C-alpha atoms as a PDB file:
ATOM      1  CA  MET A   1       0.000   0.000   0.000  1.00  0.00           C
ATOM      2  CA  SER A   2       1.291   3.491  -0.859  1.00  0.00           C
ATOM      3  CA  ALA A   3       1.717   6.219   1.702  1.00  0.00           C
ATOM      4  CA  SER A   4      -0.600   9.222   1.402  1.00  0.00           C
ATOM      5  CA  VAL A   5       1.293  11.381   3.876  1.00  0.00           C
ATOM      6  CA  ILE A   6       4.905  11.581   4.914  1.00  0.00           C
ATOM      7  CA  GLU A   7       6.409  12.662   8.181  1.00  0.00           C
ATOM      8  CA  VAL A   8       8.808  15.467   7.271  1.00  0.00           C
ATOM      9  CA  SER A   9      10.086  16.054  10.790  1.00  0.00           C
ATOM     10  CA  SER A  10       9.378  14.728  14.235  1.00  0.00           C
ATOM     11  CA  GLY A  11       6.510  17.179  14.496  1.00  0.00           C
ATOM     12  CA  SER A  12       5.115  17.669  10.963  1.00  0.00           C
ATOM     13  CA  ILE A  13       3.392  15.730   8.192  1.00  0.00           C
ATOM     14  CA  ILE A  14       2.753  16.700   4.575  1.00  0.00           C
ATOM     15  CA  PHE A  15       0.403  15.565   1.814  1.00  0.00           C
ATOM     16  CA  LYS A  16      -0.529  16.796  -1.640  1.00  0.00           C
ATOM     17  CA  CYS A  17      -4.157  17.875  -1.721  1.00  0.00           C
ATOM     18  CA  PRO A  18      -6.157  16.613  -4.714  1.00  0.00           C
ATOM     19  CA  GLY A  19      -8.562  19.563  -4.400  1.00  0.00           C
ATOM     20  CA  CYS A  20      -6.347  22.636  -4.388  1.00  0.00           C
ATOM     21  CA  ARG A  21      -3.327  20.769  -5.790  1.00  0.00           C
ATOM     22  CA  LEU A  22      -1.032  22.241  -3.157  1.00  0.00           C
ATOM     23  CA  TYR A  23       1.016  20.617  -0.417  1.00  0.00           C
ATOM     24  CA  HIS A  24      -0.459  20.906   3.058  1.00  0.00           C
ATOM     25  CA  GLU A  25       2.084  20.713   5.871  1.00  0.00           C
ATOM     26  CA  LEU A  26       0.629  20.294   9.342  1.00  0.00           C
ATOM     27  CA  ARG A  27       2.263  20.517  12.751  1.00  0.00           C
ATOM     28  CA  ILE A  28       1.335  17.477  14.804  1.00  0.00           C
ATOM     29  CA  ARG A  29       0.458  18.004  18.461  1.00  0.00           C
ATOM     30  CA  THR A  30       3.464  17.747  20.685  1.00  0.00           C
ATOM     31  CA  ASP A  31       4.039  18.032  24.385  1.00  0.00           C
ATOM     32  CA  PRO A  32       3.900  20.880  25.181  1.00  0.00           C
ATOM     33  CA  PRO A  33       1.386  21.719  22.436  1.00  0.00           C
ATOM     34  CA  GLN A  34       2.165  24.436  19.901  1.00  0.00           C
ATOM     35  CA  ALA A  35      -0.620  26.225  18.028  1.00  0.00           C
ATOM     36  CA  PRO A  36      -1.838  25.588  15.460  1.00  0.00           C
ATOM     37  CA  SER A  37      -1.513  21.818  15.558  1.00  0.00           C
ATOM     38  CA  TRP A  38      -3.449  18.684  14.609  1.00  0.00           C
ATOM     39  CA  GLU A  39      -3.972  15.187  15.985  1.00  0.00           C
ATOM     40  CA  TRP A  40      -2.796  12.365  13.670  1.00  0.00           C
ATOM     41  CA  ASN A  41      -3.322   8.619  14.057  1.00  0.00           C
ATOM     42  CA  GLY A  42       0.264   7.893  12.902  1.00  0.00           C
ATOM     43  CA  SER A  43      -0.788   6.007   9.761  1.00  0.00           C
ATOM     44  CA  LEU A  44       0.949   6.969   6.508  1.00  0.00           C
ATOM     45  CA  ASP A  45      -1.465   5.111   4.210  1.00  0.00           C
ATOM     46  CA  LYS A  46      -4.796   5.515   6.106  1.00  0.00           C
ATOM     47  CA  PRO A  47      -4.366   8.816   7.952  1.00  0.00           C
ATOM     48  CA  VAL A  48      -6.906  10.360  10.281  1.00  0.00           C
ATOM     49  CA  ILE A  49      -6.196  14.026  11.011  1.00  0.00           C
ATOM     50  CA  THR A  50      -8.248  16.277  13.306  1.00  0.00           C
ATOM     51  CA  PRO A  51      -9.539  18.935  13.464  1.00  0.00           C
ATOM     52  CA  SER A  52     -10.408  20.161   9.960  1.00  0.00           C
ATOM     53  CA  ILE A  53      -7.743  21.650   7.693  1.00  0.00           C
ATOM     54  CA  LEU A  54      -8.405  25.165   6.426  1.00  0.00           C
ATOM     55  CA  ALA A  55      -6.073  26.730   3.864  1.00  0.00           C
ATOM     56  CA  ARG A  56      -6.872  30.199   2.571  1.00  0.00           C
ATOM     57  CA  GLY A  57      -5.525  33.675   2.304  1.00  0.00           C
ATOM     58  CA  SER A  58      -5.048  36.707   0.125  1.00  0.00           C
ATOM     59  CA  ASP A  59      -1.624  35.438  -0.931  1.00  0.00           C
ATOM     60  CA  TRP A  60      -3.455  32.412  -2.368  1.00  0.00           C
ATOM     61  CA  GLU A  61      -5.700  34.357  -4.759  1.00  0.00           C
ATOM     62  CA  ASN A  62      -8.622  34.357  -2.278  1.00  0.00           C
ATOM     63  CA  ARG A  63      -9.160  30.611  -2.679  1.00  0.00           C
ATOM     64  CA  THR A  64     -10.244  28.318   0.150  1.00  0.00           C
ATOM     65  CA  CYS A  65      -9.522  24.634   0.756  1.00  0.00           C
ATOM     66  CA  HIS A  66     -11.366  23.233   3.782  1.00  0.00           C
ATOM     67  CA  SER A  67     -11.327  19.519   4.523  1.00  0.00           C
ATOM     68  CA  PHE A  68     -11.473  16.621   6.945  1.00  0.00           C
ATOM     69  CA  VAL A  69      -9.064  13.708   6.572  1.00  0.00           C
ATOM     70  CA  GLY A  70     -10.332  10.324   7.756  1.00  0.00           C
ATOM     71  CA  CYS A  71     -13.143  11.659   9.945  1.00  0.00           C
ATOM     72  CA  ASN A  72     -16.440  13.595   9.880  1.00  0.00           C
ATOM     73  CA  GLY A  73     -17.741  11.740   6.835  1.00  0.00           C
ATOM     74  CA  ALA A  74     -14.411  10.549   5.424  1.00  0.00           C
ATOM     75  CA  GLN A  75     -12.971   7.092   6.058  1.00  0.00           C
ATOM     76  CA  PRO A  76      -9.299   6.762   7.066  1.00  0.00           C
ATOM     77  CA  GLY A  77      -7.245   7.558   3.950  1.00  0.00           C
ATOM     78  CA  GLU A  78      -9.983   9.732   2.424  1.00  0.00           C
ATOM     79  CA  ILE A  79     -10.339  13.501   2.290  1.00  0.00           C
ATOM     80  CA  ARG A  80     -13.754  15.185   2.554  1.00  0.00           C
ATOM     81  CA  PHE A  81     -13.926  18.702   1.155  1.00  0.00           C
ATOM     82  CA  LEU A  82     -16.398  21.054   2.776  1.00  0.00           C
ATOM     83  CA  ALA A  83     -18.779  23.213   0.748  1.00  0.00           C
ATOM     84  CA  ASP A  84     -16.802  26.406   1.463  1.00  0.00           C
ATOM     85  CA  SER A  85     -13.869  25.076  -0.583  1.00  0.00           C
ATOM     86  CA  THR A  86     -13.500  27.027  -3.813  1.00  0.00           C
ATOM     87  CA  HIS A  87     -12.113  24.241  -5.999  1.00  0.00           C
ATOM     88  CA  ALA A  88     -13.817  21.574  -8.140  1.00  0.00           C
ATOM     89  CA  LEU A  89     -13.861  18.943  -5.347  1.00  0.00           C
ATOM     90  CA  ALA A  90     -15.935  21.055  -2.916  1.00  0.00           C
ATOM     91  CA  GLY A  91     -18.597  18.866  -1.282  1.00  0.00           C
ATOM     92  CA  GLN A  92     -16.914  15.606  -2.379  1.00  0.00           C
ATOM     93  CA  THR A  93     -15.048  12.835  -0.556  1.00  0.00           C
ATOM     94  CA  VAL A  94     -12.150  11.232  -2.424  1.00  0.00           C
ATOM     95  CA  PRO A  95      -9.183   8.979  -1.579  1.00  0.00           C
ATOM     96  CA  LEU A  96      -5.962  10.736  -0.720  1.00  0.00           C
ATOM     97  CA  PRO A  97      -3.496  10.174  -3.565  1.00  0.00           C
ATOM     98  CA  PRO A  98      -0.196   8.371  -3.003  1.00  0.00           C
ATOM     99  CA  TYR A  99       2.704  10.533  -1.887  1.00  0.00           C
ATOM    100  CA  PRO A 100       4.657  11.547  -3.774  1.00  0.00           C
ATOM    101  CA  PRO A 101       2.076  11.919  -6.542  1.00  0.00           C
ATOM    102  CA  GLU A 102       2.480   9.959  -9.757  1.00  0.00           C
ATOM    103  CA  LYS A 103       4.070  11.916 -12.576  1.00  0.00           C
ATOM    104  CA  ASN A 104       1.870  12.018 -15.676  1.00  0.00           C
ATOM    105  CA  GLY A 105      -0.306  14.512 -17.509  1.00  0.00           C
ATOM    106  CA  GLU A 106      -3.444  13.809 -15.441  1.00  0.00           C
ATOM    107  CA  ASP A 107      -1.919  13.842 -11.981  1.00  0.00           C
ATOM    108  CA  LEU A 108      -1.181  16.620  -9.527  1.00  0.00           C
ATOM    109  CA  GLN A 109       1.147  19.370 -10.628  1.00  0.00           C
ATOM    110  CA  ASP A 110       4.059  20.593  -8.501  1.00  0.00           C
END
């Protein structure tokens, strides 16, 4: 089974989002906690990440990517995009792609 996320340091994970086509890097809760941070089940191929992931900002052309990974309507290893996302996958639940993404004309662009 292919990994969907990778651990890039002892306190961060990264995955390529199939909705906004950008990399999302998240700080995983540590002791003591640092904000913002997320809970992660430790699985690379069937991740569960909480709470929701919200990526937006004026430096990102006023786009929004809001999702749940492996919870709140998504199974472990799936990503559920909320309706406030401004990309084509808003309102859909899809499997997280393998990391790193496959290189061909239909897959995610770097």
